[in-house]
Amino acid sequence: MSYHPNEVSRRATVARVLLGVGFIALTSAFFRAQVMRNKEYLAQAEQNRFREVPLAAPRGIILDRNGRIIAENLPGYAVSLLSPSADSLRTAMRRLSNIIPITDDQVEAAVRRWRKNPTRPAVILPDAPFDVVAVLEERRVENPSLIIQSTPKRYYPDGPAVASFVGYTGEITERELADTNYSDYKPGQQIGKGGLERSYEAQLRGKEGVRYVEVDARGRVVRDAGARAEEEPQAASRLTTNIDMDLQLFVMSLLGDSLRAGVVAIEPTSGAVLALHSAPTFDPNRFVGGIPADYWKELNTDPRRPLYNKVIQGRYPPASTWKLATSAMAMEAGLVQLDDHMPQPCTGGYRYGRYFRCWNHKGHGDISLRQAIEQSCDVFFYQVGLKLGLSRMVAGGLKLKMRERSGVDLPNETQPQFPPDAQNYFNERYGTRGWVPGSVALNLSIGQGENAQTLINMARFYTALATDGKAAKPEIVTRNPERVQIMNLTEPQMLGLRLAMAGVVSSRGTANSARIEGITVAGKTGTAQNPPNPDHAWFMGFAPAEQPKIVVGVFVEFGEHGYVAARIATKVMEHYLKAVTKPLVTTE
C-alpha cells in the first residue's frame, strides 16, 4: 500500500508535532520535579527515609524551701517500634511477646499511639525494666524495627510523704490530646497528672528533642547513630516550693497510715504552705510509667480513700472552730464584746422551739464571750446566733470567704458549702414552710447545719485571726502573694480574740492536754457531728499567740473529740518553732 507524497509529508509533520509536544511536556515535568519542586520532593524522600525518634526532656526538679529534692529524674528506658501500619505493629508485638511479656492492653495502647502519629515510633513499654531491656538488646537483630532508648524517669525520694501536694506524672491520654491546653503535645509524652506536677506543667515539662534513624521501604532500621543531626532536649527550670520537708516528714510520722486525717501548716503573713498531708497516702512512684492494675484497684477499693485529699477536697462541718467566725461577726456588728454575758446562762441546753443541747450537759453557767470561746459553750453561741440573725450570719460568712475556694495552687480543690443567701437557698431546699430562720441560725452559729468547709479554707480564715484581719491565700509555690481584708475589728478586739483562743489551749480550755511548754498556743477545737458514725475532730490554731509564725489546721475523720486533733496540731507547731529558732552551729 502506497501513500501520496503529500500524505506522507502531512503525517510526518503531525508526528513531529506530537513528539515535540510530548518532549516539551516531559521536559516541563522534569523541570518542575527537579527544579521547581525539588525541595518538596526531597523533603518527602527524606521523610520516607528518616524517622523521628523523640528525646524526652528531663522535667524540672522540684525543691523544698531549703533546697531538698521533692521530685527529680532518674535514668529509665523506653521501648518503641517503627511500623508502616497498625497491622504490622500488632504482628511485631506478637513476635515480641515470645521474648517478653506483653498484654493485649499494651498492644492496643501502642496501636492507639501509632494512629495518633504514624511517623513517630509507637511506644510499647514507656518504663521498661532493665532486665527486659537487656533481653531485647540481645535479640535486636531479630527485630530491626525496635528502638530502645534511655529516657528520664520521674522519681520522688520521699514518695508517700509528698503525694498529697506533688501529684504524679503519667502518659497523656487521648482526651487530653484533644484538649486545646495540650495542643502541642504528642502521643506517648509524659505530663503532670495531679498536684504541683499538673499545676506547673508548663514550667516543668522542658522541650523535647529529636534524633533520626534511617529506615528501608519496610520501615526497618538500617542506620541508627549518626543518620542525621540531632536536636538535643532542653531540661526545664527548677521549681522551688514553700514546703519544709523536715516538717512534712514529721507530719507524716504523726499521722502514720492508720488515721484518716489531713494536716496543713501555713505562714500567716505570707500564705506560704509549709506542710500539707492527707492520710492515708499513696506512693506516686508507682504511677510513673503506668500504674499496676492491682495497685490501682487497691487504692480505689480502700474505704479510707487514700486518693481523696482530705485537706483540699474533704468537706466537713467545721463545728466549734467556726465559733471564732461567729464571734468576729458579732463583735464587728457591735452586738457583743469579749466580756459580755448572754441573757440565759448555760444549764446544759437551750430551748428554742425544741431543746438544743450543749456539749457539756452539766452546763457552763453564766460566762462571758471570752470564757465561752475557752470552754466552747454551745448555749452561749446559740444566743449570739439569734442576736445576729440568719441574714447577718449568712452575709458575714460570705464576707469571710466561706463559700469560696482558698485559691491554693493545686488542682481539684473543692468549693466549700455555705448558703449564698438567707432566703431563696433554704426555700428551694426545704420549701417555704419547711424551715425556721432562728433554728438555722442556731445551727450555723456552732458550725453545723448548711455549712461544710475544707481544711485549707478554714486555715485561710485563721491566718486572718493570727494577723490583722487579712486572710492570706495559701501558696505552695510563691506566685502572687495575696492578703484580703475579711474582718474589720480593732487591734484590741483582735488581741482579745487571740487571748481567748490562748485560753483554749490552757488549763481552763477544751484543749488543755495539748499545751506546749514555753510556747503559748492560740486555737480552737471542734467536734463535728457525724451520725450514725463517730464524730469528726477539728483543731485550728497558731503559735506563738503573741506573734504567730505558723497556722496549723488538723482534721481527723471519726476522731470523736477535738482535743485529738489539737494534740497533733501542737506537736506540729512545737516541731516547727523549735526548728526555726534553733541556733546555727558554726565552725571556725
Protein backbone atom coordinates (compact mmCIF):
# COMPACT_ATOMS: atom_id res chain seq x y z
CA MET A 1 0.00 0.00 0.00
CA SER A 2 1.47 3.34 -1.08
CA TYR A 3 0.76 6.90 0.05
CA HIS A 4 0.84 10.10 -1.87
CA PRO A 5 3.97 12.14 -1.13
CA ASN A 6 1.80 14.93 0.29
CA GLU A 7 0.09 12.48 2.68
CA VAL A 8 3.45 11.18 3.87
CA SER A 9 4.64 14.73 4.43
CA ARG A 10 1.45 15.58 6.39
CA ARG A 11 1.77 12.56 8.61
CA ALA A 12 5.43 13.27 9.28
CA THR A 13 4.56 16.80 10.32
CA VAL A 14 1.87 15.55 12.72
CA ALA A 15 4.30 13.04 14.20
CA ARG A 16 6.97 15.71 14.66
CA VAL A 17 4.43 17.97 16.39
CA LEU A 18 3.25 15.19 18.68
CA LEU A 19 6.81 14.22 19.52
CA GLY A 20 7.66 17.85 20.15
CA VAL A 21 4.65 18.35 22.39
CA GLY A 22 5.48 15.15 24.25
CA PHE A 23 9.12 16.18 24.65
CA ILE A 24 8.09 19.62 25.89
CA ALA A 25 5.65 18.05 28.35
CA LEU A 26 8.25 15.64 29.64
CA THR A 27 10.86 18.38 29.87
CA SER A 28 8.39 20.58 31.75
CA ALA A 29 7.55 17.75 34.12
CA PHE A 30 11.22 17.01 34.72
CA PHE A 31 11.95 20.72 35.26
CA ARG A 32 9.03 21.04 37.63
CA ALA A 33 10.08 17.99 39.60
CA GLN A 34 13.84 18.55 39.57
CA VAL A 35 13.95 22.33 39.89
CA MET A 36 10.68 23.96 40.90
CA ARG A 37 9.53 21.29 43.43
CA ASN A 38 12.94 19.97 44.29
CA LYS A 39 12.73 20.89 47.96
CA GLU A 40 9.24 19.42 48.35
CA TYR A 41 10.13 16.04 46.85
CA LEU A 42 13.47 15.99 48.60
CA ALA A 43 11.71 16.54 51.95
CA GLN A 44 9.25 13.78 51.11
CA ALA A 45 12.07 11.43 50.24
CA GLU A 46 13.87 12.36 53.44
CA GLN A 47 10.66 11.75 55.39
CA ASN A 48 10.32 8.31 53.82
CA ARG A 49 13.96 7.52 54.57
CA PHE A 50 14.26 9.04 58.06
CA ARG A 51 12.07 8.59 61.11
CA GLU A 52 11.95 10.94 64.06
CA VAL A 53 12.70 9.40 67.42
CA PRO A 54 11.66 11.77 70.23
CA LEU A 55 14.12 12.53 73.01
CA ALA A 56 12.21 13.23 76.21
CA ALA A 57 13.24 16.36 78.08
CA PRO A 58 14.04 16.00 81.78
CA ARG A 59 11.23 17.51 83.84
CA GLY A 60 12.12 20.35 86.15
CA ILE A 61 13.37 19.35 89.58
CA ILE A 62 11.04 20.32 92.46
CA LEU A 63 12.69 21.52 95.67
CA ASP A 64 11.55 22.46 99.15
CA ARG A 65 12.35 25.86 100.66
CA ASN A 66 15.73 24.63 101.88
CA GLY A 67 16.83 23.07 98.59
CA ARG A 68 15.88 19.49 99.48
CA ILE A 69 14.70 17.47 96.49
CA ILE A 70 10.99 16.68 96.31
CA ALA A 71 10.93 15.42 92.71
CA GLU A 72 13.83 14.56 90.40
CA ASN A 73 14.66 12.42 87.37
CA LEU A 74 16.44 9.08 87.21
CA PRO A 75 17.63 7.19 84.12
CA GLY A 76 14.93 4.96 82.67
CA TYR A 77 14.27 3.07 79.44
CA ALA A 78 11.55 3.31 76.83
CA VAL A 79 10.94 0.70 74.11
CA SER A 80 9.30 1.68 70.82
CA LEU A 81 8.57 0.15 67.43
CA LEU A 82 8.65 1.68 63.97
CA SER A 83 5.85 0.37 61.81
CA PRO A 84 4.27 1.26 58.44
CA SER A 85 0.79 0.14 59.55
CA ALA A 86 -1.27 -0.84 62.55
CA ASP A 87 -1.39 -4.48 61.41
CA SER A 88 2.39 -4.57 61.10
CA LEU A 89 2.68 -3.13 64.59
CA ARG A 90 0.40 -5.82 66.02
CA THR A 91 2.39 -8.51 64.22
CA ALA A 92 5.69 -7.16 65.54
CA MET A 93 4.35 -7.00 69.10
CA ARG A 94 3.04 -10.57 68.90
CA ARG A 95 6.50 -11.62 67.82
CA LEU A 96 7.99 -9.73 70.77
CA SER A 97 5.54 -11.42 73.15
CA ASN A 98 7.50 -14.61 72.63
CA ILE A 99 10.50 -12.87 74.18
CA ILE A 100 9.00 -10.59 76.84
CA PRO A 101 5.56 -10.46 78.50
CA ILE A 102 3.20 -8.20 76.53
CA THR A 103 -0.52 -7.97 77.29
CA ASP A 104 -3.36 -7.32 74.85
CA ASP A 105 -3.96 -3.97 76.55
CA GLN A 106 -0.36 -2.95 75.86
CA VAL A 107 -0.79 -3.91 72.20
CA GLU A 108 -3.93 -1.81 71.81
CA ALA A 109 -2.35 1.11 73.67
CA ALA A 110 0.61 1.05 71.28
CA VAL A 111 -1.73 0.93 68.27
CA ARG A 112 -3.61 3.98 69.57
CA ARG A 113 -0.35 5.87 69.94
CA TRP A 114 0.67 4.91 66.40
CA ARG A 115 -2.63 6.07 64.92
CA LYS A 116 -2.24 9.48 66.55
CA ASN A 117 1.10 9.99 64.80
CA PRO A 118 2.23 7.22 62.38
CA THR A 119 5.54 8.97 61.61
CA ARG A 120 6.78 8.58 65.20
CA PRO A 121 7.78 5.30 66.80
CA ALA A 122 4.92 3.76 68.78
CA VAL A 123 5.86 3.43 72.44
CA ILE A 124 5.19 -0.11 73.61
CA LEU A 125 6.92 -0.01 77.02
CA PRO A 126 7.18 3.55 78.42
CA ASP A 127 9.05 2.37 81.54
CA ALA A 128 10.87 -0.85 80.67
CA PRO A 129 12.77 -2.67 83.45
CA PHE A 130 16.48 -3.17 82.88
CA ASP A 131 16.19 -6.96 82.60
CA VAL A 132 13.62 -6.57 79.81
CA VAL A 133 15.88 -4.08 78.02
CA ALA A 134 18.81 -6.50 78.32
CA VAL A 135 16.81 -9.33 76.73
CA LEU A 136 15.63 -7.10 73.88
CA GLU A 137 19.13 -5.82 73.21
CA GLU A 138 20.31 -9.41 72.78
CA ARG A 139 17.57 -10.04 70.21
CA ARG A 140 17.83 -6.68 68.45
CA VAL A 141 18.91 -8.28 65.13
CA GLU A 142 15.69 -10.29 65.02
CA ASN A 143 13.64 -7.11 65.49
CA PRO A 144 15.12 -4.43 63.22
CA SER A 145 12.22 -2.01 63.83
CA LEU A 146 12.88 -1.94 67.58
CA ILE A 147 14.09 1.27 69.23
CA ILE A 148 15.43 1.21 72.79
CA GLN A 149 16.48 4.47 74.35
CA SER A 150 17.37 5.93 77.69
CA THR A 151 14.76 8.36 78.95
CA PRO A 152 14.40 10.38 82.17
CA LYS A 153 12.10 8.75 84.71
CA ARG A 154 10.32 10.80 87.39
CA TYR A 155 11.25 9.91 90.95
CA TYR A 156 10.04 11.16 94.33
CA PRO A 157 12.63 10.37 97.06
CA ASP A 158 10.01 10.74 99.82
CA GLY A 159 7.13 9.45 97.68
CA PRO A 160 4.24 8.83 100.13
CA ALA A 161 5.17 11.88 102.22
CA VAL A 162 4.73 14.29 99.30
CA ALA A 163 1.91 12.62 97.34
CA SER A 164 -0.75 14.96 98.74
CA PHE A 165 0.71 18.02 97.06
CA VAL A 166 3.24 16.94 94.41
CA GLY A 167 0.90 14.70 92.40
CA TYR A 168 2.44 12.37 89.83
CA THR A 169 3.18 12.05 86.11
CA GLY A 170 1.66 9.78 83.50
CA GLU A 171 1.20 9.34 79.78
CA ILE A 172 -1.02 11.89 78.07
CA THR A 173 -4.44 10.47 77.22
CA GLU A 174 -6.47 10.80 74.02
CA ARG A 175 -8.90 13.12 75.78
CA GLU A 176 -6.05 15.36 76.90
CA LEU A 177 -4.57 15.36 73.39
CA ALA A 178 -7.92 16.71 72.16
CA ASP A 179 -7.81 19.50 74.75
CA THR A 180 -6.58 22.84 73.39
CA ASN A 181 -4.40 23.24 76.50
CA TYR A 182 -2.29 20.35 75.19
CA SER A 183 -2.34 21.25 71.50
CA ASP A 184 1.45 21.00 71.14
CA TYR A 185 1.75 17.62 72.88
CA LYS A 186 2.23 14.28 71.12
CA PRO A 187 1.14 10.71 71.93
CA GLY A 188 3.35 8.91 74.39
CA GLN A 189 4.58 12.02 76.18
CA GLN A 190 4.50 12.21 79.98
CA ILE A 191 2.59 15.04 81.65
CA GLY A 192 1.68 16.11 85.18
CA LYS A 193 -1.46 14.36 86.33
CA GLY A 194 -2.06 15.91 89.72
CA GLY A 195 -0.72 18.29 92.36
CA LEU A 196 2.19 20.55 91.51
CA GLU A 197 3.10 18.36 88.52
CA ARG A 198 -0.16 19.38 86.90
CA SER A 199 -0.46 22.95 88.19
CA TYR A 200 3.03 23.83 86.94
CA GLU A 201 3.14 21.58 83.87
CA ALA A 202 4.13 24.45 81.56
CA GLN A 203 7.15 25.23 83.73
CA LEU A 204 8.15 21.63 84.44
CA ARG A 205 7.81 19.98 81.03
CA GLY A 206 11.01 21.13 79.24
CA LYS A 207 11.43 20.98 75.45
CA GLU A 208 11.52 17.64 73.66
CA GLY A 209 14.49 16.85 71.40
CA VAL A 210 14.68 14.52 68.42
CA ARG A 211 17.11 12.14 66.79
CA TYR A 212 16.72 10.40 63.45
CA VAL A 213 17.08 6.82 62.28
CA GLU A 214 17.31 5.69 58.67
CA VAL A 215 14.82 3.04 57.55
CA ASP A 216 14.21 0.93 54.44
CA ALA A 217 10.98 0.64 52.47
CA ARG A 218 9.56 -1.76 55.07
CA GLY A 219 10.29 0.59 57.96
CA ARG A 220 13.20 -1.45 59.30
CA VAL A 221 16.06 0.48 60.89
CA VAL A 222 19.16 0.31 58.68
CA ARG A 223 21.16 3.05 60.40
CA ASP A 224 20.73 4.36 63.91
CA ALA A 225 23.52 6.60 65.19
CA GLY A 226 24.56 9.50 63.00
CA ALA A 227 21.77 9.17 60.46
CA ARG A 228 21.11 12.90 60.75
CA ALA A 229 21.97 15.75 63.10
CA GLU A 230 20.14 15.51 66.43
CA GLU A 231 18.18 18.19 68.26
CA GLU A 232 19.08 17.96 71.94
CA PRO A 233 16.25 18.11 74.51
CA GLN A 234 16.16 21.11 76.82
CA ALA A 235 15.65 20.47 80.51
CA ALA A 236 13.08 22.54 82.37
CA SER A 237 13.96 25.01 85.09
CA ARG A 238 13.74 24.16 88.78
CA LEU A 239 10.64 24.79 90.83
CA THR A 240 11.22 25.89 94.43
CA THR A 241 8.33 25.49 96.84
CA ASN A 242 7.47 26.84 100.29
CA ILE A 243 7.30 23.30 101.69
CA ASP A 244 9.53 22.49 104.65
CA MET A 245 10.35 18.80 104.08
CA ASP A 246 11.55 18.31 107.63
CA LEU A 247 8.14 19.45 108.87
CA GLN A 248 6.34 17.50 106.12
CA LEU A 249 8.03 14.24 107.13
CA PHE A 250 7.29 14.94 110.78
CA VAL A 251 3.61 15.44 109.98
CA MET A 252 3.52 12.14 108.13
CA SER A 253 5.14 10.38 111.07
CA LEU A 254 2.40 11.72 113.38
CA LEU A 255 -0.46 10.53 111.19
CA GLY A 256 1.08 7.24 110.10
CA ASP A 257 -1.09 5.02 107.94
CA SER A 258 -3.82 4.31 110.47
CA LEU A 259 -5.55 7.69 110.80
CA ARG A 260 -7.88 9.20 108.25
CA ALA A 261 -6.74 12.77 108.59
CA GLY A 262 -5.47 15.95 107.00
CA VAL A 263 -2.92 18.49 108.21
CA VAL A 264 -1.94 21.84 106.76
CA ALA A 265 0.59 24.35 108.10
CA ILE A 266 0.80 27.92 106.75
CA GLU A 267 2.82 31.05 107.42
CA PRO A 268 0.08 33.52 108.42
CA THR A 269 1.61 36.68 106.95
CA SER A 270 2.60 35.27 103.56
CA GLY A 271 0.28 32.32 102.96
CA ALA A 272 3.30 30.08 102.29
CA VAL A 273 2.26 26.45 102.78
CA LEU A 274 4.88 24.78 104.98
CA ALA A 275 3.32 21.32 105.05
CA LEU A 276 0.25 19.65 103.57
CA HIS A 277 -0.53 15.99 104.13
CA SER A 278 -3.54 13.73 103.74
CA ALA A 279 -3.59 10.29 105.37
CA PRO A 280 -3.62 7.53 104.40
CA THR A 281 -1.39 8.32 101.47
CA PHE A 282 -0.08 6.55 98.37
CA ASP A 283 3.23 6.20 96.56
CA PRO A 284 3.39 8.42 93.43
CA ASN A 285 6.42 6.44 92.22
CA ARG A 286 4.06 3.54 91.49
CA PHE A 287 2.21 5.76 88.99
CA VAL A 288 5.27 6.55 86.87
CA GLY A 289 5.25 4.63 83.59
CA GLY A 290 1.72 3.34 84.20
CA ILE A 291 0.19 2.26 87.49
CA PRO A 292 -0.09 -1.51 88.08
CA ALA A 293 -3.72 -2.65 87.87
CA ASP A 294 -3.64 -4.37 91.26
CA TYR A 295 -2.28 -1.25 93.00
CA TRP A 296 -4.90 0.95 91.31
CA LYS A 297 -7.65 -1.42 92.45
CA GLU A 298 -6.24 -1.46 95.97
CA LEU A 299 -6.29 2.35 96.18
CA ASN A 300 -9.81 2.65 94.79
CA THR A 301 -11.34 -0.05 96.99
CA ASP A 302 -9.69 1.11 100.22
CA PRO A 303 -12.54 2.52 102.39
CA ARG A 304 -10.10 5.07 103.84
CA ARG A 305 -9.88 6.73 100.38
CA PRO A 306 -6.14 7.38 100.05
CA LEU A 307 -6.67 9.16 96.70
CA TYR A 308 -9.09 11.63 98.32
CA ASN A 309 -7.17 14.66 99.54
CA LYS A 310 -8.69 15.46 102.91
CA VAL A 311 -7.01 18.89 103.03
CA ILE A 312 -8.31 20.41 99.81
CA GLN A 313 -11.15 18.06 98.79
CA GLY A 314 -12.65 16.90 102.08
CA ARG A 315 -15.68 18.99 103.01
CA TYR A 316 -16.94 18.70 106.59
CA PRO A 317 -18.96 20.72 109.14
CA PRO A 318 -16.36 22.97 110.83
CA ALA A 319 -18.03 22.51 114.23
CA SER A 320 -16.72 24.71 117.06
CA THR A 321 -13.78 26.00 115.05
CA TRP A 322 -16.50 28.13 113.43
CA LYS A 323 -17.28 29.86 116.74
CA LEU A 324 -14.44 32.29 116.06
CA ALA A 325 -16.23 33.29 112.85
CA THR A 326 -19.46 33.79 114.80
CA SER A 327 -17.58 35.83 117.40
CA ALA A 328 -15.92 38.04 114.78
CA MET A 329 -19.25 38.72 113.03
CA ALA A 330 -20.99 39.67 116.29
CA MET A 331 -18.12 41.85 117.51
CA GLU A 332 -17.90 43.65 114.17
CA ALA A 333 -21.66 44.28 114.28
CA GLY A 334 -21.32 45.70 117.80
CA LEU A 335 -23.68 43.07 119.27
CA VAL A 336 -21.31 41.53 121.78
CA GLN A 337 -17.83 42.07 123.18
CA LEU A 338 -15.41 39.69 124.84
CA ASP A 339 -16.54 40.45 128.40
CA ASP A 340 -20.27 40.44 127.65
CA HIS A 341 -22.66 37.79 129.00
CA MET A 342 -25.79 36.35 127.43
CA PRO A 343 -29.28 36.67 128.98
CA GLN A 344 -29.57 32.95 129.69
CA PRO A 345 -26.76 31.08 131.49
CA CYS A 346 -25.76 27.67 130.20
CA THR A 347 -27.54 24.89 132.08
CA GLY A 348 -26.70 22.18 129.56
CA GLY A 349 -29.04 23.27 126.79
CA TYR A 350 -31.20 25.99 125.27
CA ARG A 351 -34.86 25.85 124.30
CA TYR A 352 -35.86 27.45 121.03
CA GLY A 353 -38.89 25.59 119.77
CA ARG A 354 -37.04 22.39 120.58
CA TYR A 355 -34.22 21.75 123.01
CA PHE A 356 -30.72 22.48 121.64
CA ARG A 357 -28.09 20.76 123.77
CA CYS A 358 -24.68 21.99 124.84
CA TRP A 359 -21.83 19.51 124.60
CA ASN A 360 -21.44 19.90 128.38
CA HIS A 361 -24.72 18.53 129.71
CA LYS A 362 -23.94 19.89 133.19
CA GLY A 363 -23.74 23.42 131.78
CA HIS A 364 -21.13 26.18 131.89
CA GLY A 365 -23.12 28.68 133.94
CA ASP A 366 -23.07 32.43 133.42
CA ILE A 367 -19.95 33.13 131.35
CA SER A 368 -18.55 35.83 129.05
CA LEU A 369 -17.71 35.53 125.36
CA ARG A 370 -14.05 35.11 126.28
CA GLN A 371 -14.92 32.17 128.54
CA ALA A 372 -17.38 30.77 126.01
CA ILE A 373 -14.54 30.54 123.47
CA GLU A 374 -12.23 28.90 126.03
CA GLN A 375 -14.83 26.33 127.07
CA SER A 376 -16.64 26.11 123.71
CA CYS A 377 -20.08 26.73 125.22
CA ASP A 378 -22.79 25.98 122.65
CA VAL A 379 -25.57 27.69 124.62
CA PHE A 380 -23.70 30.99 124.62
CA PHE A 381 -23.23 30.84 120.84
CA TYR A 382 -26.85 29.83 120.23
CA GLN A 383 -27.80 33.18 121.74
CA VAL A 384 -25.12 35.03 119.74
CA GLY A 385 -26.57 33.42 116.62
CA LEU A 386 -30.05 34.68 117.49
CA LYS A 387 -28.67 38.17 118.10
CA LEU A 388 -27.01 38.15 114.71
CA GLY A 389 -29.98 36.65 112.90
CA LEU A 390 -29.80 34.49 109.81
CA SER A 391 -29.36 37.32 107.30
CA ARG A 392 -26.36 38.86 109.05
CA MET A 393 -24.84 35.46 109.71
CA VAL A 394 -25.04 34.43 106.05
CA ALA A 395 -23.74 37.82 104.90
CA GLY A 396 -20.92 37.60 107.44
CA GLY A 397 -19.93 34.12 106.27
CA LEU A 398 -19.82 35.30 102.67
CA LYS A 399 -17.62 38.24 103.70
CA LEU A 400 -15.28 35.77 105.41
CA LYS A 401 -14.97 33.91 102.05
CA MET A 402 -16.59 30.78 103.44
CA ARG A 403 -18.27 29.97 100.15
CA GLU A 404 -15.09 30.43 98.08
CA ARG A 405 -12.16 28.17 97.35
CA SER A 406 -8.98 29.18 99.13
CA GLY A 407 -7.09 29.56 95.83
CA VAL A 408 -4.27 27.19 96.79
CA ASP A 409 -2.16 26.33 93.74
CA LEU A 410 -3.32 22.72 93.50
CA PRO A 411 -5.91 21.31 91.08
CA ASN A 412 -9.31 19.90 92.10
CA GLU A 413 -9.88 21.99 95.22
CA THR A 414 -13.47 21.54 96.41
CA GLN A 415 -15.67 24.59 96.87
CA PRO A 416 -16.96 24.92 100.45
CA GLN A 417 -20.68 24.62 101.12
CA PHE A 418 -22.31 27.73 102.57
CA PRO A 419 -25.67 29.42 101.85
CA PRO A 420 -25.44 32.03 99.08
CA ASP A 421 -28.32 33.97 100.64
CA ALA A 422 -30.60 33.85 103.66
CA GLN A 423 -33.94 33.07 102.00
CA ASN A 424 -34.01 31.59 98.49
CA TYR A 425 -31.45 28.89 99.26
CA PHE A 426 -33.46 27.48 102.17
CA ASN A 427 -36.83 27.93 100.42
CA GLU A 428 -35.60 25.90 97.44
CA ARG A 429 -34.05 23.27 99.69
CA TYR A 430 -36.80 22.83 102.30
CA GLY A 431 -39.85 24.69 100.99
CA THR A 432 -41.18 27.99 102.35
CA ARG A 433 -42.66 26.32 105.46
CA GLY A 434 -40.05 23.63 105.95
CA TRP A 435 -37.55 25.65 107.91
CA VAL A 436 -37.28 28.23 110.72
CA PRO A 437 -34.69 31.03 110.38
CA GLY A 438 -33.90 31.02 114.09
CA SER A 439 -33.20 27.29 114.19
CA VAL A 440 -30.99 27.58 111.13
CA ALA A 441 -29.07 30.45 112.78
CA LEU A 442 -28.59 28.37 115.94
CA ASN A 443 -27.04 25.52 113.97
CA LEU A 444 -24.87 27.81 111.86
CA SER A 445 -23.60 29.62 114.96
CA ILE A 446 -21.80 26.49 116.18
CA GLY A 447 -20.52 25.31 112.78
CA GLN A 448 -23.25 22.79 111.99
CA GLY A 449 -26.13 22.83 109.53
CA GLU A 450 -25.73 24.15 106.00
CA ASN A 451 -22.01 24.69 106.37
CA ALA A 452 -19.24 22.37 105.23
CA GLN A 453 -15.69 23.66 104.88
CA THR A 454 -12.39 22.35 103.58
CA LEU A 455 -9.44 22.27 105.94
CA ILE A 456 -7.44 24.55 103.63
CA ASN A 457 -10.19 27.18 103.64
CA MET A 458 -10.50 27.16 107.42
CA ALA A 459 -6.73 27.58 107.60
CA ARG A 460 -7.01 30.64 105.36
CA PHE A 461 -9.61 32.10 107.75
CA TYR A 462 -7.33 31.52 110.74
CA THR A 463 -4.48 33.41 109.04
CA ALA A 464 -6.71 36.46 109.38
CA LEU A 465 -7.23 35.79 113.10
CA ALA A 466 -3.48 35.41 113.50
CA THR A 467 -2.72 38.77 111.89
CA ASP A 468 -4.74 41.92 111.33
CA GLY A 469 -7.94 40.53 109.86
CA LYS A 470 -6.42 39.91 106.42
CA ALA A 471 -6.67 36.37 105.07
CA ALA A 472 -3.64 35.08 103.16
CA LYS A 473 -4.09 32.99 100.02
CA PRO A 474 -2.31 29.64 100.58
CA GLU A 475 0.53 29.05 98.12
CA ILE A 476 2.82 26.05 97.81
CA VAL A 477 4.86 27.94 95.22
CA THR A 478 5.00 31.67 95.76
CA ARG A 479 3.49 33.36 92.70
CA ASN A 480 1.43 36.35 93.70
CA PRO A 481 1.05 36.67 97.49
CA GLU A 482 -2.37 37.99 98.31
CA ARG A 483 -3.97 39.08 101.58
CA VAL A 484 -7.60 40.15 101.65
CA GLN A 485 -9.31 42.07 104.46
CA ILE A 486 -12.17 39.86 105.68
CA MET A 487 -12.56 41.28 109.21
CA ASN A 488 -12.75 44.88 110.36
CA LEU A 489 -12.02 44.63 114.07
CA THR A 490 -9.90 46.97 116.15
CA GLU A 491 -6.45 45.92 117.27
CA PRO A 492 -7.65 45.43 120.91
CA GLN A 493 -10.51 43.25 119.63
CA MET A 494 -8.17 41.10 117.54
CA LEU A 495 -5.79 40.76 120.50
CA GLY A 496 -8.71 39.84 122.75
CA LEU A 497 -9.79 37.07 120.39
CA ARG A 498 -6.26 35.70 120.28
CA LEU A 499 -6.05 35.73 124.10
CA ALA A 500 -9.38 33.92 124.32
CA MET A 501 -8.06 31.33 121.87
CA ALA A 502 -4.93 31.02 124.01
CA GLY A 503 -7.27 30.13 126.87
CA VAL A 504 -8.50 27.15 124.83
CA VAL A 505 -5.01 25.62 125.00
CA SER A 506 -4.56 26.28 128.69
CA SER A 507 -5.55 24.62 131.95
CA ARG A 508 -9.04 26.14 131.63
CA GLY A 509 -9.72 25.27 127.99
CA THR A 510 -11.00 22.35 125.94
CA ALA A 511 -7.51 21.57 124.61
CA ASN A 512 -5.65 21.71 127.93
CA SER A 513 -3.93 18.38 127.17
CA ALA A 514 -2.28 19.86 124.04
CA ARG A 515 -0.22 22.58 125.72
CA ILE A 516 3.41 23.23 124.72
CA GLU A 517 5.90 24.06 127.44
CA GLY A 518 7.30 27.55 126.92
CA ILE A 519 5.05 28.37 123.92
CA THR A 520 1.62 29.98 124.10
CA VAL A 521 -0.73 28.41 121.57
CA ALA A 522 -3.96 30.05 120.39
CA GLY A 523 -6.55 27.78 118.86
CA LYS A 524 -9.98 26.23 118.83
CA THR A 525 -11.13 22.64 118.99
CA GLY A 526 -14.13 21.29 117.12
CA THR A 527 -16.15 18.08 117.34
CA ALA A 528 -18.31 17.73 114.23
CA GLN A 529 -21.47 15.65 114.45
CA ASN A 530 -21.44 12.74 112.02
CA PRO A 531 -24.38 10.43 112.78
CA PRO A 532 -24.57 7.46 112.77
CA ASN A 533 -20.76 7.29 112.68
CA PRO A 534 -18.33 8.67 115.28
CA ASP A 535 -17.84 12.43 115.33
CA HIS A 536 -15.00 14.13 113.43
CA ALA A 537 -12.23 16.00 115.26
CA TRP A 538 -11.02 19.51 114.30
CA PHE A 539 -8.38 21.87 115.57
CA MET A 540 -7.40 25.22 114.11
CA GLY A 541 -4.78 27.41 115.70
CA PHE A 542 -1.49 29.27 115.60
CA ALA A 543 1.62 29.95 117.65
CA PRO A 544 3.16 31.77 119.34
CA ALA A 545 -0.08 33.51 120.26
CA GLU A 546 1.69 36.87 120.81
CA GLN A 547 3.37 36.91 117.38
CA PRO A 548 2.13 33.98 115.25
CA LYS A 549 4.62 32.32 112.90
CA ILE A 550 2.62 29.26 111.93
CA VAL A 551 -1.06 28.43 111.47
CA VAL A 552 -1.92 24.72 111.72
CA GLY A 553 -5.17 23.03 110.84
CA VAL A 554 -5.88 19.38 111.65
CA PHE A 555 -8.88 17.27 110.76
CA VAL A 556 -9.30 13.65 111.89
CA GLU A 557 -12.16 11.60 110.46
CA PHE A 558 -14.01 9.78 113.25
CA GLY A 559 -11.59 11.34 115.76
CA GLU A 560 -14.55 11.83 118.15
CA HIS A 561 -13.06 14.71 120.17
CA GLY A 562 -11.41 17.97 119.12
CA TYR A 563 -8.54 17.52 121.57
CA VAL A 564 -7.37 14.53 119.47
CA ALA A 565 -6.70 16.92 116.58
CA ALA A 566 -5.29 19.55 118.97
CA ARG A 567 -2.58 17.19 120.24
CA ILE A 568 -1.42 16.58 116.68
CA ALA A 569 -1.51 20.29 115.80
CA THR A 570 0.52 21.47 118.77
CA LYS A 571 3.18 18.82 118.12
CA VAL A 572 3.48 20.21 114.59
CA MET A 573 3.78 23.75 115.93
CA GLU A 574 6.36 22.74 118.52
CA HIS A 575 8.49 20.88 115.97
CA TYR A 576 8.48 23.81 113.54
CA LEU A 577 9.05 26.58 116.08
CA LYS A 578 11.92 24.78 117.77
CA ALA A 579 13.48 24.12 114.35
CA VAL A 580 13.29 27.74 113.17
CA THR A 581 14.62 29.10 116.46
CA LYS A 582 17.42 26.56 116.75
CA PRO A 583 20.78 28.39 116.91
CA LEU A 584 23.08 27.91 113.97
CA VAL A 585 26.16 25.78 114.58
CA THR A 586 29.23 27.43 113.12
CA THR A 587 32.72 26.09 112.65
CA GLU A 588 35.87 28.13 112.65
